[in-house]
C-alpha atoms as a PDB file:
ATOM      1  CA  UNK A   1      -0.007   0.043   0.050  1.00  0.00           C
ATOM      2  CA  UNK A   2       2.803   2.311   0.686  1.00  0.00           C
ATOM      3  CA  UNK A   3       4.200   1.789  -2.877  1.00  0.00           C
ATOM      4  CA  UNK A   4       0.960   2.939  -4.418  1.00  0.00           C
ATOM      5  CA  UNK A   5       0.908   6.308  -2.462  1.00  0.00           C
ATOM      6  CA  UNK A   6       4.544   7.012  -3.374  1.00  0.00           C
ATOM      7  CA  UNK A   7       3.998   8.120  -6.975  1.00  0.00           C
ATOM      8  CA  UNK A   8       1.120  10.099  -5.939  1.00  0.00           C
ATOM      9  CA  UNK A   9       3.181  11.962  -3.309  1.00  0.00           C
ATOM     10  CA  UNK A  10       5.981  12.525  -5.661  1.00  0.00           C
ATOM     11  CA  UNK A  11       3.567  13.922  -8.461  1.00  0.00           C
ATOM     12  CA  UNK A  12       1.795  16.192  -5.957  1.00  0.00           C
ATOM     13  CA  UNK A  13       5.241  17.664  -4.866  1.00  0.00           C
ATOM     14  CA  UNK A  14       6.577  18.090  -8.250  1.00  0.00           C
ATOM     15  CA  UNK A  15       3.308  19.463  -9.791  1.00  0.00           C
ATOM     16  CA  UNK A  16       3.240  23.324 -10.115  1.00  0.00           C
ATOM     17  CA  UNK A  17       1.161  24.778  -7.283  1.00  0.00           C
ATOM     18  CA  UNK A  18      -0.147  28.188  -6.967  1.00  0.00           C
ATOM     19  CA  UNK A  19       0.760  29.730  -3.412  1.00  0.00           C
ATOM     20  CA  UNK A  20      -0.125  33.095  -2.248  1.00  0.00           C
ATOM     21  CA  UNK A  21       3.701  33.674  -1.452  1.00  0.00           C
ATOM     22  CA  UNK A  22       3.762  34.083  -5.300  1.00  0.00           C
ATOM     23  CA  UNK A  23       2.047  37.337  -4.955  1.00  0.00           C
ATOM     24  CA  UNK A  24       4.403  40.257  -4.498  1.00  0.00           C
ATOM     25  CA  UNK A  25       3.624  43.353  -2.279  1.00  0.00           C
ATOM     26  CA  UNK A  26       3.375  45.553  -5.353  1.00  0.00           C
ATOM     27  CA  UNK A  27       0.763  43.229  -6.907  1.00  0.00           C
ATOM     28  CA  UNK A  28      -1.021  42.740  -3.674  1.00  0.00           C
ATOM     29  CA  UNK A  29      -1.520  46.551  -3.079  1.00  0.00           C
ATOM     30  CA  UNK A  30      -2.542  47.277  -6.800  1.00  0.00           C
ATOM     31  CA  UNK A  31      -4.963  44.380  -6.630  1.00  0.00           C
ATOM     32  CA  UNK A  32      -6.606  45.972  -3.460  1.00  0.00           C
ATOM     33  CA  UNK A  33      -6.717  49.451  -5.045  1.00  0.00           C
ATOM     34  CA  UNK A  34      -8.361  47.829  -8.019  1.00  0.00           C
ATOM     35  CA  UNK A  35     -10.756  46.009  -5.736  1.00  0.00           C
ATOM     36  CA  UNK A  36     -11.774  49.252  -4.125  1.00  0.00           C
ATOM     37  CA  UNK A  37     -12.155  51.181  -7.257  1.00  0.00           C
ATOM     38  CA  UNK A  38     -14.567  48.523  -8.564  1.00  0.00           C
ATOM     39  CA  UNK A  39     -16.580  48.980  -5.510  1.00  0.00           C
ATOM     40  CA  UNK A  40     -16.545  52.703  -5.880  1.00  0.00           C
ATOM     41  CA  UNK A  41     -17.619  52.430  -9.562  1.00  0.00           C
ATOM     42  CA  UNK A  42     -20.399  49.753  -8.669  1.00  0.00           C
ATOM     43  CA  UNK A  43     -18.904  47.210 -10.924  1.00  0.00           C
ATOM     44  CA  UNK A  44     -20.402  43.948  -9.390  1.00  0.00           C
ATOM     45  CA  UNK A  45     -18.800  41.791 -12.081  1.00  0.00           C
ATOM     46  CA  UNK A  46     -15.357  43.034 -11.616  1.00  0.00           C
ATOM     47  CA  UNK A  47     -15.720  42.677  -7.834  1.00  0.00           C
ATOM     48  CA  UNK A  48     -17.237  39.244  -8.162  1.00  0.00           C
ATOM     49  CA  UNK A  49     -14.152  38.043 -10.470  1.00  0.00           C
ATOM     50  CA  UNK A  50     -11.811  39.298  -7.652  1.00  0.00           C
ATOM     51  CA  UNK A  51     -13.356  37.196  -5.021  1.00  0.00           C
ATOM     52  CA  UNK A  52     -12.778  33.249  -5.132  1.00  0.00           C
ATOM     53  CA  UNK A  53     -16.117  31.504  -5.232  1.00  0.00           C
ATOM     54  CA  UNK A  54     -15.317  29.530  -1.978  1.00  0.00           C
ATOM     55  CA  UNK A  55     -14.104  32.672  -0.069  1.00  0.00           C
ATOM     56  CA  UNK A  56     -15.452  33.343   3.315  1.00  0.00           C
ATOM     57  CA  UNK A  57     -16.092  36.787   4.805  1.00  0.00           C
ATOM     58  CA  UNK A  58     -16.047  37.076   8.570  1.00  0.00           C
ATOM     59  CA  UNK A  59     -17.436  40.222  10.292  1.00  0.00           C
ATOM     60  CA  UNK A  60     -17.169  41.228  13.825  1.00  0.00           C
ATOM     61  CA  UNK A  61     -19.437  43.889  14.932  1.00  0.00           C
ATOM     62  CA  UNK A  62     -17.651  45.439  17.830  1.00  0.00           C
ATOM     63  CA  UNK A  63     -20.245  47.935  18.981  1.00  0.00           C
ATOM     64  CA  UNK A  64     -22.840  45.143  19.822  1.00  0.00           C
ATOM     65  CA  UNK A  65     -22.968  44.118  23.365  1.00  0.00           C
ATOM     66  CA  UNK A  66     -21.688  41.516  23.473  1.00  0.00           C
ATOM     67  CA  UNK A  67     -19.776  41.819  20.150  1.00  0.00           C
ATOM     68  CA  UNK A  68     -21.373  39.779  17.352  1.00  0.00           C
ATOM     69  CA  UNK A  69     -19.672  37.859  14.608  1.00  0.00           C
ATOM     70  CA  UNK A  70     -21.008  36.342  11.508  1.00  0.00           C
ATOM     71  CA  UNK A  71     -19.695  34.685   8.310  1.00  0.00           C
ATOM     72  CA  UNK A  72     -21.048  35.297   4.905  1.00  0.00           C
ATOM     73  CA  UNK A  73     -20.394  33.664   1.480  1.00  0.00           C
ATOM     74  CA  UNK A  74     -19.196  35.547  -1.594  1.00  0.00           C
ATOM     75  CA  UNK A  75     -22.809  35.405  -2.951  1.00  0.00           C
ATOM     76  CA  UNK A  76     -24.153  37.071   0.250  1.00  0.00           C
ATOM     77  CA  UNK A  77     -21.392  39.692   0.286  1.00  0.00           C
ATOM     78  CA  UNK A  78     -22.094  40.558  -3.386  1.00  0.00           C
ATOM     79  CA  UNK A  79     -25.741  40.993  -2.544  1.00  0.00           C
ATOM     80  CA  UNK A  80     -24.860  43.262   0.412  1.00  0.00           C
ATOM     81  CA  UNK A  81     -22.966  45.410  -1.898  1.00  0.00           C
ATOM     82  CA  UNK A  82     -25.712  45.469  -4.393  1.00  0.00           C
ATOM     83  CA  UNK A  83     -28.379  46.378  -1.897  1.00  0.00           C
ATOM     84  CA  UNK A  84     -26.025  49.248  -0.535  1.00  0.00           C
ATOM     85  CA  UNK A  85     -25.425  50.574  -3.893  1.00  0.00           C
ATOM     86  CA  UNK A  86     -29.328  50.501  -4.734  1.00  0.00           C
ATOM     87  CA  UNK A  87     -30.345  52.329  -1.577  1.00  0.00           C
ATOM     88  CA  UNK A  88     -27.427  54.625  -0.694  1.00  0.00           C
ATOM     89  CA  UNK A  89     -26.136  57.915  -2.227  1.00  0.00           C
ATOM     90  CA  UNK A  90     -23.064  59.940  -1.753  1.00  0.00           C
ATOM     91  CA  UNK A  91     -21.099  56.909  -1.263  1.00  0.00           C
ATOM     92  CA  UNK A  92     -17.284  57.275  -0.537  1.00  0.00           C
ATOM     93  CA  UNK A  93     -14.690  54.631   0.243  1.00  0.00           C
ATOM     94  CA  UNK A  94     -11.318  55.670   1.858  1.00  0.00           C
ATOM     95  CA  UNK A  95      -8.640  53.116   2.325  1.00  0.00           C
ATOM     96  CA  UNK A  96      -5.303  53.628   4.184  1.00  0.00           C
ATOM     97  CA  UNK A  97      -2.437  52.061   6.161  1.00  0.00           C
ATOM     98  CA  UNK A  98      -2.277  49.118   3.635  1.00  0.00           C
ATOM     99  CA  UNK A  99       0.288  46.650   4.815  1.00  0.00           C
ATOM    100  CA  UNK A 100       1.226  43.410   3.001  1.00  0.00           C
ATOM    101  CA  UNK A 101       2.614  40.520   4.855  1.00  0.00           C
ATOM    102  CA  UNK A 102       3.137  36.707   4.574  1.00  0.00           C
ATOM    103  CA  UNK A 103       1.069  34.876   7.066  1.00  0.00           C
ATOM    104  CA  UNK A 104       1.273  30.957   7.069  1.00  0.00           C
ATOM    105  CA  UNK A 105       2.422  31.266   3.485  1.00  0.00           C
ATOM    106  CA  UNK A 106      -0.618  33.459   2.529  1.00  0.00           C
ATOM    107  CA  UNK A 107      -0.192  36.890   1.269  1.00  0.00           C
ATOM    108  CA  UNK A 108      -2.306  38.927   3.528  1.00  0.00           C
ATOM    109  CA  UNK A 109      -3.190  42.567   3.213  1.00  0.00           C
ATOM    110  CA  UNK A 110      -4.097  44.527   6.200  1.00  0.00           C
ATOM    111  CA  UNK A 111      -5.904  47.943   5.824  1.00  0.00           C
ATOM    112  CA  UNK A 112      -8.134  50.519   7.479  1.00  0.00           C
ATOM    113  CA  UNK A 113     -11.312  51.546   5.399  1.00  0.00           C
ATOM    114  CA  UNK A 114     -13.982  54.137   6.059  1.00  0.00           C
ATOM    115  CA  UNK A 115     -17.141  54.010   4.290  1.00  0.00           C
ATOM    116  CA  UNK A 116     -19.656  57.055   4.289  1.00  0.00           C
ATOM    117  CA  UNK A 117     -22.963  57.384   2.561  1.00  0.00           C
ATOM    118  CA  UNK A 118     -26.332  58.757   2.874  1.00  0.00           C
ATOM    119  CA  UNK A 119     -28.893  55.896   3.549  1.00  0.00           C
ATOM    120  CA  UNK A 120     -32.614  56.716   3.398  1.00  0.00           C
ATOM    121  CA  UNK A 121     -31.878  60.328   3.822  1.00  0.00           C
ATOM    122  CA  UNK A 122     -29.647  59.845   6.710  1.00  0.00           C
ATOM    123  CA  UNK A 123     -25.809  59.917   6.840  1.00  0.00           C
ATOM    124  CA  UNK A 124     -24.291  56.787   7.784  1.00  0.00           C
ATOM    125  CA  UNK A 125     -20.936  54.973   7.698  1.00  0.00           C
ATOM    126  CA  UNK A 126     -18.575  52.526   9.072  1.00  0.00           C
ATOM    127  CA  UNK A 127     -14.898  52.063  10.050  1.00  0.00           C
ATOM    128  CA  UNK A 128     -13.370  48.641   9.072  1.00  0.00           C
ATOM    129  CA  UNK A 129     -10.171  47.134   9.941  1.00  0.00           C
ATOM    130  CA  UNK A 130      -9.594  44.355   7.248  1.00  0.00           C
ATOM    131  CA  UNK A 131      -7.337  41.407   6.925  1.00  0.00           C
ATOM    132  CA  UNK A 132      -7.606  40.140   3.299  1.00  0.00           C
ATOM    133  CA  UNK A 133      -5.972  36.996   2.358  1.00  0.00           C
ATOM    134  CA  UNK A 134      -5.035  36.609  -1.246  1.00  0.00           C
ATOM    135  CA  UNK A 135      -4.697  33.167  -3.273  1.00  0.00           C
ATOM    136  CA  UNK A 136      -3.470  32.558  -6.778  1.00  0.00           C
ATOM    137  CA  UNK A 137      -0.333  34.248  -8.368  1.00  0.00           C
ATOM    138  CA  UNK A 138       0.862  37.444  -9.373  1.00  0.00           C
ATOM    139  CA  UNK A 139      -0.812  37.043 -12.752  1.00  0.00           C
ATOM    140  CA  UNK A 140      -4.228  36.438 -11.269  1.00  0.00           C
ATOM    141  CA  UNK A 141      -4.662  37.086  -7.435  1.00  0.00           C
ATOM    142  CA  UNK A 142      -8.037  36.275  -5.833  1.00  0.00           C
ATOM    143  CA  UNK A 143      -9.405  37.118  -2.487  1.00  0.00           C
ATOM    144  CA  UNK A 144      -9.792  33.886  -0.539  1.00  0.00           C
ATOM    145  CA  UNK A 145     -10.961  35.458   2.729  1.00  0.00           C
ATOM    146  CA  UNK A 146     -11.916  38.650   4.384  1.00  0.00           C
ATOM    147  CA  UNK A 147     -11.948  39.227   8.177  1.00  0.00           C
ATOM    148  CA  UNK A 148     -13.307  42.619   9.274  1.00  0.00           C
ATOM    149  CA  UNK A 149     -13.616  44.336  12.512  1.00  0.00           C
ATOM    150  CA  UNK A 150     -16.426  47.042  12.076  1.00  0.00           C
ATOM    151  CA  UNK A 151     -17.768  49.978  13.827  1.00  0.00           C
ATOM    152  CA  UNK A 152     -21.102  51.555  12.475  1.00  0.00           C
ATOM    153  CA  UNK A 153     -22.393  55.125  12.795  1.00  0.00           C
END
């Protein structure tokens, strides 16, 4: 039985694999900027193409007592964006403090984001601290997970 698994192990070790570590800092930063430009332009197709189909989005709402966390799928995330775009006006997204690091061999982008909008006639917004993990390679990075700590106002 050990002999049967040996060729599979060798093949798997030698086959080309896409690791997030193949994504350099400049590519990761450019990708995140493009992601937020697509959000700002309400380009749902572009946003959707930048997120892996199996991506998970974890949100921690820090103002709730006790703080609440939930996880949504790519489809749910895109639906939330679509609903926000439909009902909100005067939207703005500002990202800052972008830092790219390698965490467990996964390129991870940390950033702070501020969103402002008018929603049903009232000013609203949120402050987000995000950790966005990227998969793929330099030619085609994709978001594989988002972890977000958020405060609403």
